[in-house]
C-alpha atoms as a PDB file:
ATOM      1  CA  GLN A   1     121.503  59.661-147.185  1.00  0.00           C
ATOM      2  CA  PHE A   2     120.218  58.187-144.203  1.00  0.00           C
ATOM      3  CA  ASP A   3     117.669  55.038-144.173  1.00  0.00           C
ATOM      4  CA  ILE A   4     115.613  56.305-141.325  1.00  0.00           C
ATOM      5  CA  HIS A   5     115.041  59.831-140.298  1.00  0.00           C
ATOM      6  CA  GLY A   6     113.315  60.420-137.030  1.00  0.00           C
ATOM      7  CA  GLY A   7     112.041  63.484-135.638  1.00  0.00           C
ATOM      8  CA  GLY A   8     109.238  65.149-133.828  1.00  0.00           C
ATOM      9  CA  MET A   9     105.817  65.403-135.896  1.00  0.00           C
ATOM     10  CA  ASP A  10     105.909  69.018-135.373  1.00  0.00           C
ATOM     11  CA  LEU A  11     109.171  69.123-137.761  1.00  0.00           C
ATOM     12  CA  ALA A  12     107.193  67.526-140.676  1.00  0.00           C
ATOM     13  CA  PRO A  13     105.786  70.243-142.233  1.00  0.00           C
ATOM     14  CA  THR A  14     108.525  72.810-142.075  1.00  0.00           C
ATOM     15  CA  HIS A  15     111.821  71.539-140.905  1.00  0.00           C
ATOM     16  CA  HIS A  16     111.794  68.135-142.984  1.00  0.00           C
ATOM     17  CA  THR A  17     110.210  69.421-145.932  1.00  0.00           C
ATOM     18  CA  ASN A  18     113.382  72.340-146.060  1.00  0.00           C
ATOM     19  CA  GLU A  19     115.878  69.670-144.983  1.00  0.00           C
ATOM     20  CA  ILE A  20     114.107  67.454-148.486  1.00  0.00           C
ATOM     21  CA  ALA A  21     114.467  70.512-150.803  1.00  0.00           C
ATOM     22  CA  GLN A  22     118.064  71.428-149.972  1.00  0.00           C
ATOM     23  CA  ASN A  23     119.226  67.800-150.124  1.00  0.00           C
ATOM     24  CA  GLU A  24     117.630  67.264-153.393  1.00  0.00           C
ATOM     25  CA  ALA A  25     119.094  70.690-154.599  1.00  0.00           C
ATOM     26  CA  ALA A  26     122.253  69.740-153.509  1.00  0.00           C
ATOM     27  CA  CYS A  27     122.316  66.116-153.673  1.00  0.00           C
ATOM     28  CA  ASP A  28     119.780  65.201-156.270  1.00  0.00           C
ATOM     29  CA  LYS A  29     118.318  62.589-154.110  1.00  0.00           C
ATOM     30  CA  MET A  30     115.861  62.278-150.806  1.00  0.00           C
ATOM     31  CA  PRO A  31     117.582  62.646-147.506  1.00  0.00           C
ATOM     32  CA  ALA A  32     115.965  59.825-146.196  1.00  0.00           C
ATOM     33  CA  ASN A  33     114.264  56.279-147.248  1.00  0.00           C
ATOM     34  CA  TYR A  34     111.890  56.473-144.655  1.00  0.00           C
ATOM     35  CA  TRP A  35     110.478  59.160-142.110  1.00  0.00           C
ATOM     36  CA  ILE A  36     109.615  58.343-138.347  1.00  0.00           C
ATOM     37  CA  HIS A  37     107.705  61.426-136.776  1.00  0.00           C
ATOM     38  CA  THR A  38     107.036  60.850-133.555  1.00  0.00           C
ATOM     39  CA  ASN A  39     104.067  62.402-131.168  1.00  0.00           C
ATOM     40  CA  MET A  40     103.827  64.914-128.213  1.00  0.00           C
ATOM     41  CA  LEU A  41     104.832  63.945-124.955  1.00  0.00           C
ATOM     42  CA  THR A  42     102.507  64.352-121.636  1.00  0.00           C
ATOM     43  CA  VAL A  43     102.999  64.136-118.203  1.00  0.00           C
ATOM     44  CA  ASN A  44      99.963  62.954-115.852  1.00  0.00           C
ATOM     45  CA  GLY A  45      98.018  63.605-119.092  1.00  0.00           C
ATOM     46  CA  GLN A  46      99.454  67.291-119.275  1.00  0.00           C
ATOM     47  CA  LYS A  47     100.972  68.822-122.038  1.00  0.00           C
ATOM     48  CA  MET A  48     104.743  68.472-121.159  1.00  0.00           C
ATOM     49  CA  SER A  49     105.715  72.377-120.764  1.00  0.00           C
ATOM     50  CA  LYS A  50     108.420  74.420-118.650  1.00  0.00           C
ATOM     51  CA  SER A  51     105.879  77.000-117.890  1.00  0.00           C
ATOM     52  CA  LEU A  52     103.824  74.145-116.366  1.00  0.00           C
ATOM     53  CA  GLY A  53     106.664  73.114-114.361  1.00  0.00           C
ATOM     54  CA  ASN A  54     106.247  69.451-115.434  1.00  0.00           C
ATOM     55  CA  SER A  55     109.070  69.070-117.924  1.00  0.00           C
ATOM     56  CA  PHE A  56     112.424  67.113-117.015  1.00  0.00           C
ATOM     57  CA  LEU A  57     115.663  65.995-118.409  1.00  0.00           C
ATOM     58  CA  PRO A  58     116.649  62.375-119.483  1.00  0.00           C
ATOM     59  CA  GLU A  59     119.280  62.637-116.401  1.00  0.00           C
ATOM     60  CA  GLU A  60     116.455  63.653-113.950  1.00  0.00           C
ATOM     61  CA  LEU A  61     114.546  60.448-115.514  1.00  0.00           C
ATOM     62  CA  PHE A  62     117.358  58.475-114.487  1.00  0.00           C
ATOM     63  CA  SER A  63     118.509  59.685-111.197  1.00  0.00           C
ATOM     64  CA  GLY A  64     114.677  60.336-109.986  1.00  0.00           C
ATOM     65  CA  ASN A  65     115.820  64.069-109.155  1.00  0.00           C
ATOM     66  CA  HIS A  66     112.520  65.810-110.072  1.00  0.00           C
ATOM     67  CA  SER A  67     109.594  66.534-107.626  1.00  0.00           C
ATOM     68  CA  LEU A  68     107.260  64.519-110.301  1.00  0.00           C
ATOM     69  CA  LEU A  69     109.114  61.618-109.851  1.00  0.00           C
ATOM     70  CA  ASN A  70     108.805  58.839-106.941  1.00  0.00           C
ATOM     71  CA  LYS A  71     112.161  57.596-108.156  1.00  0.00           C
ATOM     72  CA  GLY A  72     114.885  57.191-110.920  1.00  0.00           C
ATOM     73  CA  TYR A  73     114.214  54.512-113.785  1.00  0.00           C
ATOM     74  CA  SER A  74     117.303  52.805-115.490  1.00  0.00           C
ATOM     75  CA  PRO A  75     117.791  53.871-119.456  1.00  0.00           C
ATOM     76  CA  MET A  76     116.563  50.547-120.496  1.00  0.00           C
ATOM     77  CA  THR A  77     113.133  50.665-118.621  1.00  0.00           C
ATOM     78  CA  VAL A  78     112.628  54.198-120.007  1.00  0.00           C
ATOM     79  CA  ARG A  79     113.303  52.640-123.243  1.00  0.00           C
ATOM     80  CA  PHE A  80     110.747  49.781-123.089  1.00  0.00           C
ATOM     81  CA  PHE A  81     108.539  52.276-121.612  1.00  0.00           C
ATOM     82  CA  MET A  82     108.884  54.400-124.881  1.00  0.00           C
ATOM     83  CA  LEU A  83     108.172  51.188-127.021  1.00  0.00           C
ATOM     84  CA  GLN A  84     105.206  50.145-125.620  1.00  0.00           C
ATOM     85  CA  ALA A  85     103.542  53.028-127.325  1.00  0.00           C
ATOM     86  CA  HIS A  86     103.637  53.591-130.860  1.00  0.00           C
ATOM     87  CA  TYR A  87     105.841  56.208-131.962  1.00  0.00           C
ATOM     88  CA  ARG A  88     102.649  58.301-133.874  1.00  0.00           C
ATOM     89  CA  SER A  89     100.822  58.018-130.324  1.00  0.00           C
ATOM     90  CA  THR A  90     100.972  60.180-127.453  1.00  0.00           C
ATOM     91  CA  LEU A  91     103.173  59.150-124.710  1.00  0.00           C
ATOM     92  CA  ASP A  92     102.368  59.935-121.408  1.00  0.00           C
ATOM     93  CA  PHE A  93     104.780  59.864-118.584  1.00  0.00           C
ATOM     94  CA  SER A  94     104.004  58.835-115.099  1.00  0.00           C
ATOM     95  CA  ASN A  95     104.964  57.108-112.135  1.00  0.00           C
ATOM     96  CA  GLU A  96     102.656  54.433-112.410  1.00  0.00           C
ATOM     97  CA  ALA A  97     103.349  53.619-116.169  1.00  0.00           C
ATOM     98  CA  LEU A  98     106.859  53.768-115.404  1.00  0.00           C
ATOM     99  CA  GLU A  99     106.703  51.299-112.708  1.00  0.00           C
ATOM    100  CA  ALA A 100     104.604  48.978-114.575  1.00  0.00           C
ATOM    101  CA  SER A 101     106.987  49.256-117.707  1.00  0.00           C
ATOM    102  CA  GLU A 102     109.958  48.123-114.980  1.00  0.00           C
ATOM    103  CA  LYS A 103     108.112  45.299-113.667  1.00  0.00           C
ATOM    104  CA  GLY A 104     107.405  44.471-117.194  1.00  0.00           C
ATOM    105  CA  PHE A 105     110.827  44.995-118.757  1.00  0.00           C
ATOM    106  CA  LYS A 106     112.344  42.697-115.764  1.00  0.00           C
ATOM    107  CA  ARG A 107     109.961  39.959-116.794  1.00  0.00           C
ATOM    108  CA  MET A 108     111.175  40.320-120.164  1.00  0.00           C
ATOM    109  CA  MET A 109     115.130  39.973-119.448  1.00  0.00           C
ATOM    110  CA  ASN A 110     114.109  36.977-116.913  1.00  0.00           C
ATOM    111  CA  ALA A 111     112.577  34.894-119.610  1.00  0.00           C
ATOM    112  CA  PHE A 112     115.413  36.314-122.022  1.00  0.00           C
ATOM    113  CA  THR A 113     118.037  34.560-119.752  1.00  0.00           C
ATOM    114  CA  MET A 114     116.182  31.506-118.814  1.00  0.00           C
ATOM    115  CA  ALA A 115     115.851  30.631-122.405  1.00  0.00           C
ATOM    116  CA  SER A 116     119.315  29.827-123.125  1.00  0.00           C
ATOM    117  CA  ASN A 117     119.143  27.225-120.563  1.00  0.00           C
ATOM    118  CA  LEU A 118     115.798  25.579-121.509  1.00  0.00           C
ATOM    119  CA  LYS A 119     115.964  21.856-122.726  1.00  0.00           C
ATOM    120  CA  ALA A 120     114.598  20.718-125.881  1.00  0.00           C
ATOM    121  CA  ALA A 121     112.168  17.343-125.765  1.00  0.00           C
ATOM    122  CA  ALA A 122     112.199  14.905-128.347  1.00  0.00           C
ATOM    123  CA  ASN A 123     108.840  15.920-129.236  1.00  0.00           C
ATOM    124  CA  GLY A 124     107.316  19.410-128.969  1.00  0.00           C
ATOM    125  CA  GLU A 125     103.996  20.726-128.195  1.00  0.00           C
ATOM    126  CA  ILE A 126     103.914  23.888-129.970  1.00  0.00           C
ATOM    127  CA  ASP A 127     104.617  24.943-133.663  1.00  0.00           C
ATOM    128  CA  LEU A 128     106.149  29.174-133.096  1.00  0.00           C
ATOM    129  CA  LYS A 129     106.196  29.572-136.951  1.00  0.00           C
ATOM    130  CA  PRO A 130     102.852  31.461-136.579  1.00  0.00           C
ATOM    131  CA  LEU A 131     104.107  33.664-133.763  1.00  0.00           C
ATOM    132  CA  GLN A 132     107.256  34.354-135.642  1.00  0.00           C
ATOM    133  CA  GLN A 133     105.155  35.270-138.781  1.00  0.00           C
ATOM    134  CA  ARG A 134     103.469  37.764-136.178  1.00  0.00           C
ATOM    135  CA  CYS A 135     106.370  39.680-135.248  1.00  0.00           C
ATOM    136  CA  TYR A 136     107.647  39.860-138.669  1.00  0.00           C
ATOM    137  CA  GLU A 137     104.132  41.604-139.529  1.00  0.00           C
ATOM    138  CA  ALA A 138     104.102  43.693-136.115  1.00  0.00           C
ATOM    139  CA  MET A 139     107.636  45.518-137.663  1.00  0.00           C
ATOM    140  CA  ASN A 140     106.156  45.841-141.198  1.00  0.00           C
ATOM    141  CA  ASP A 141     102.804  47.741-139.745  1.00  0.00           C
ATOM    142  CA  ASP A 142     104.577  50.919-139.221  1.00  0.00           C
ATOM    143  CA  PHE A 143     107.058  49.811-137.040  1.00  0.00           C
ATOM    144  CA  ASN A 144     104.121  48.435-134.468  1.00  0.00           C
ATOM    145  CA  SER A 145     106.302  48.126-131.496  1.00  0.00           C
ATOM    146  CA  PRO A 146     103.306  47.687-129.043  1.00  0.00           C
ATOM    147  CA  VAL A 147     101.672  45.011-130.886  1.00  0.00           C
ATOM    148  CA  LEU A 148     105.687  43.101-131.202  1.00  0.00           C
ATOM    149  CA  ILE A 149     105.717  43.610-127.968  1.00  0.00           C
ATOM    150  CA  ALA A 150     102.415  41.942-126.867  1.00  0.00           C
ATOM    151  CA  GLU A 151     104.000  38.906-129.011  1.00  0.00           C
ATOM    152  CA  LEU A 152     107.127  38.622-127.293  1.00  0.00           C
ATOM    153  CA  PHE A 153     105.137  38.167-123.847  1.00  0.00           C
ATOM    154  CA  GLU A 154     103.575  35.606-125.072  1.00  0.00           C
ATOM    155  CA  ILE A 155     107.245  34.034-125.876  1.00  0.00           C
ATOM    156  CA  CYS A 156     107.986  34.717-122.158  1.00  0.00           C
ATOM    157  CA  ARG A 157     105.225  33.099-121.517  1.00  0.00           C
ATOM    158  CA  ILE A 158     105.875  29.989-123.352  1.00  0.00           C
ATOM    159  CA  VAL A 159     109.447  30.498-121.560  1.00  0.00           C
ATOM    160  CA  ASN A 160     108.271  29.876-118.533  1.00  0.00           C
ATOM    161  CA  SER A 161     105.822  27.161-119.367  1.00  0.00           C
ATOM    162  CA  VAL A 162     108.586  24.995-120.800  1.00  0.00           C
ATOM    163  CA  ASN A 163     110.807  25.927-117.912  1.00  0.00           C
ATOM    164  CA  ASP A 164     108.387  24.904-115.297  1.00  0.00           C
ATOM    165  CA  GLN A 165     107.702  21.725-117.472  1.00  0.00           C
ATOM    166  CA  LYS A 166     104.454  22.555-117.933  1.00  0.00           C
ATOM    167  CA  LEU A 167     104.612  22.457-121.750  1.00  0.00           C
ATOM    168  CA  LYS A 168     107.570  20.533-124.173  1.00  0.00           C
ATOM    169  CA  ILE A 169     109.256  22.208-126.957  1.00  0.00           C
ATOM    170  CA  ASP A 170     111.368  20.322-129.507  1.00  0.00           C
ATOM    171  CA  GLN A 171     114.860  21.871-130.792  1.00  0.00           C
ATOM    172  CA  HIS A 172     114.116  22.865-133.669  1.00  0.00           C
ATOM    173  CA  ASN A 173     111.027  25.133-131.961  1.00  0.00           C
ATOM    174  CA  LEU A 174     113.571  26.039-129.621  1.00  0.00           C
ATOM    175  CA  GLU A 175     116.206  27.518-131.901  1.00  0.00           C
ATOM    176  CA  ILE A 176     113.067  29.348-133.340  1.00  0.00           C
ATOM    177  CA  LEU A 177     112.584  31.014-129.889  1.00  0.00           C
ATOM    178  CA  GLN A 178     116.029  31.585-128.730  1.00  0.00           C
ATOM    179  CA  GLN A 179     116.356  33.301-132.597  1.00  0.00           C
ATOM    180  CA  LEU A 180     112.926  35.430-132.021  1.00  0.00           C
ATOM    181  CA  LEU A 181     114.133  36.493-128.658  1.00  0.00           C
ATOM    182  CA  GLN A 182     117.862  37.880-130.053  1.00  0.00           C
ATOM    183  CA  HIS A 183     116.517  39.534-132.929  1.00  0.00           C
ATOM    184  CA  PHE A 184     113.553  41.159-131.881  1.00  0.00           C
ATOM    185  CA  VAL A 185     114.354  42.009-127.917  1.00  0.00           C
ATOM    186  CA  VAL A 186     118.202  42.856-128.797  1.00  0.00           C
ATOM    187  CA  ASP A 187     118.668  43.316-132.114  1.00  0.00           C
ATOM    188  CA  VAL A 188     115.488  45.297-133.171  1.00  0.00           C
ATOM    189  CA  LEU A 189     114.188  46.960-130.138  1.00  0.00           C
ATOM    190  CA  GLY A 190     117.629  47.505-128.451  1.00  0.00           C
ATOM    191  CA  LEU A 191     116.813  46.023-124.948  1.00  0.00           C
ATOM    192  CA  LYS A 192     119.409  44.424-122.897  1.00  0.00           C
ATOM    193  CA  ASP A 193     119.859  42.808-119.187  1.00  0.00           C
ATOM    194  CA  GLU A 194     121.250  45.852-117.331  1.00  0.00           C
ATOM    195  CA  SER A 195     121.531  43.801-113.848  1.00  0.00           C
ATOM    196  CA  ALA A 196     124.388  41.636-115.667  1.00  0.00           C
ATOM    197  CA  ALA A 197     127.501  43.294-114.476  1.00  0.00           C
ATOM    198  CA  SER A 198     129.342  41.561-117.564  1.00  0.00           C
ATOM    199  CA  ASP A 199     128.875  38.749-119.902  1.00  0.00           C
ATOM    200  CA  GLU A 200     130.903  36.563-116.987  1.00  0.00           C
ATOM    201  CA  LEU A 201     128.392  36.638-115.170  1.00  0.00           C
ATOM    202  CA  PRO A 202     126.375  33.549-116.158  1.00  0.00           C
ATOM    203  CA  LYS A 203     129.719  31.511-115.988  1.00  0.00           C
ATOM    204  CA  VAL A 204     130.076  32.634-112.869  1.00  0.00           C
ATOM    205  CA  LEU A 205     126.511  31.575-111.737  1.00  0.00           C
ATOM    206  CA  ASP A 206     126.827  28.255-113.137  1.00  0.00           C
ATOM    207  CA  PHE A 207     130.515  27.621-111.599  1.00  0.00           C
ATOM    208  CA  VAL A 208     128.299  28.375-108.124  1.00  0.00           C
ATOM    209  CA  ILE A 209     125.312  26.408-109.282  1.00  0.00           C
ATOM    210  CA  ASN A 210     127.883  23.511-109.864  1.00  0.00           C
ATOM    211  CA  LEU A 211     129.521  23.777-106.474  1.00  0.00           C
ATOM    212  CA  ARG A 212     126.191  23.821-104.794  1.00  0.00           C
ATOM    213  CA  SER A 213     125.226  20.096-107.471  1.00  0.00           C
ATOM    214  CA  GLU A 214     128.514  18.819-105.858  1.00  0.00           C
ATOM    215  CA  ALA A 215     127.765  19.558-102.202  1.00  0.00           C
ATOM    216  CA  LYS A 216     123.977  18.066-102.356  1.00  0.00           C
ATOM    217  CA  THR A 217     125.617  15.090-104.158  1.00  0.00           C
ATOM    218  CA  ASN A 218     127.992  14.803-100.945  1.00  0.00           C
ATOM    219  CA  GLN A 219     124.746  15.173 -98.689  1.00  0.00           C
ATOM    220  CA  ASP A 220     125.885  18.327 -97.367  1.00  0.00           C
ATOM    221  CA  TYR A 221     123.009  20.569 -97.515  1.00  0.00           C
ATOM    222  CA  ALA A 222     123.824  22.678 -95.344  1.00  0.00           C
ATOM    223  CA  THR A 223     126.573  24.003 -97.848  1.00  0.00           C
ATOM    224  CA  SER A 224     123.864  23.711-100.828  1.00  0.00           C
ATOM    225  CA  ASP A 225     121.372  25.653 -98.656  1.00  0.00           C
ATOM    226  CA  LYS A 226     123.722  28.398 -97.729  1.00  0.00           C
ATOM    227  CA  ILE A 227     124.622  28.765-101.542  1.00  0.00           C
ATOM    228  CA  ARG A 228     121.349  29.266-102.408  1.00  0.00           C
ATOM    229  CA  LEU A 229     120.079  31.699 -99.499  1.00  0.00           C
ATOM    230  CA  GLY A 230     123.234  33.460-100.460  1.00  0.00           C
ATOM    231  CA  LEU A 231     122.369  33.876-104.001  1.00  0.00           C
ATOM    232  CA  GLN A 232     118.302  34.439-103.339  1.00  0.00           C
ATOM    233  CA  GLN A 233     120.094  37.202-100.874  1.00  0.00           C
ATOM    234  CA  VAL A 234     121.783  39.504-103.953  1.00  0.00           C
ATOM    235  CA  GLY A 235     119.055  38.754-106.284  1.00  0.00           C
ATOM    236  CA  TYR A 236     119.264  35.699-107.989  1.00  0.00           C
ATOM    237  CA  GLN A 237     116.430  32.516-107.452  1.00  0.00           C
ATOM    238  CA  LEU A 238     117.476  29.395-108.295  1.00  0.00           C
ATOM    239  CA  LYS A 239     114.772  26.442-109.419  1.00  0.00           C
ATOM    240  CA  ASP A 240     115.571  22.650-109.430  1.00  0.00           C
ATOM    241  CA  SER A 241     113.974  20.597-111.751  1.00  0.00           C
ATOM    242  CA  LYS A 242     115.024  16.772-113.041  1.00  0.00           C
ATOM    243  CA  GLU A 243     116.894  18.658-116.112  1.00  0.00           C
ATOM    244  CA  GLY A 244     119.166  20.437-113.563  1.00  0.00           C
ATOM    245  CA  THR A 245     119.047  23.851-111.998  1.00  0.00           C
ATOM    246  CA  SER A 246     118.489  27.279-113.438  1.00  0.00           C
ATOM    247  CA  TRP A 247     118.641  30.908-112.213  1.00  0.00           C
ATOM    248  CA  THR A 248     116.416  33.826-112.778  1.00  0.00           C
ATOM    249  CA  LYS A 249     117.041  37.469-111.801  1.00  0.00           C
ATOM    250  CA  ILE A 250     114.829  38.274-108.926  1.00  0.00           C
END
């Protein structure tokens, strides 16, 4: 027995009812506890169809090797794009929508990385309990991923404000924030940062940042600037503050 059984909404009245009948007859139980029937896909507002020449395979979506695509999009970008629509809603593919999702996914991953480096203040200015409750309510509302993502972007805004020292967060709420991102971004939505070559990358970056700090302490500003510009050229932005130096993916 499955906990969650998925499939297109066109399968509900025929294939899945037949599956239920077979399973109940053979096993005396329902084949699944929950059913998620997704709506149809469209491309630029038109039904996806081979006859219209607007259908594409996942590998073409990832590689960009299709006349309707301006470029390829990473698997995580496509996943994020799909999650921004409720599973019972029609999902319309377009380059504009995919590019917007690419930017949104990147913004979320930057905040996710940044959150692990935030410093707690003795006295905070925010209470994340209501936001935490709204995240769970979104999931309990028929797996309402678009609402959840909107709440997660609010968390991203808080992360950026704390990182920019425009907002203070205490240790208790910092732990809630970090747990929310881990639980909902990674565990529930299944999103992960594809830009990280390995789990060791943060350690390598921290090591390089420490070398830069030593150079600054020794007034070797040429080396300090060289490290900062070098990291920027390979896609990592450093931000100095009185708490130390943090990095984000550009």
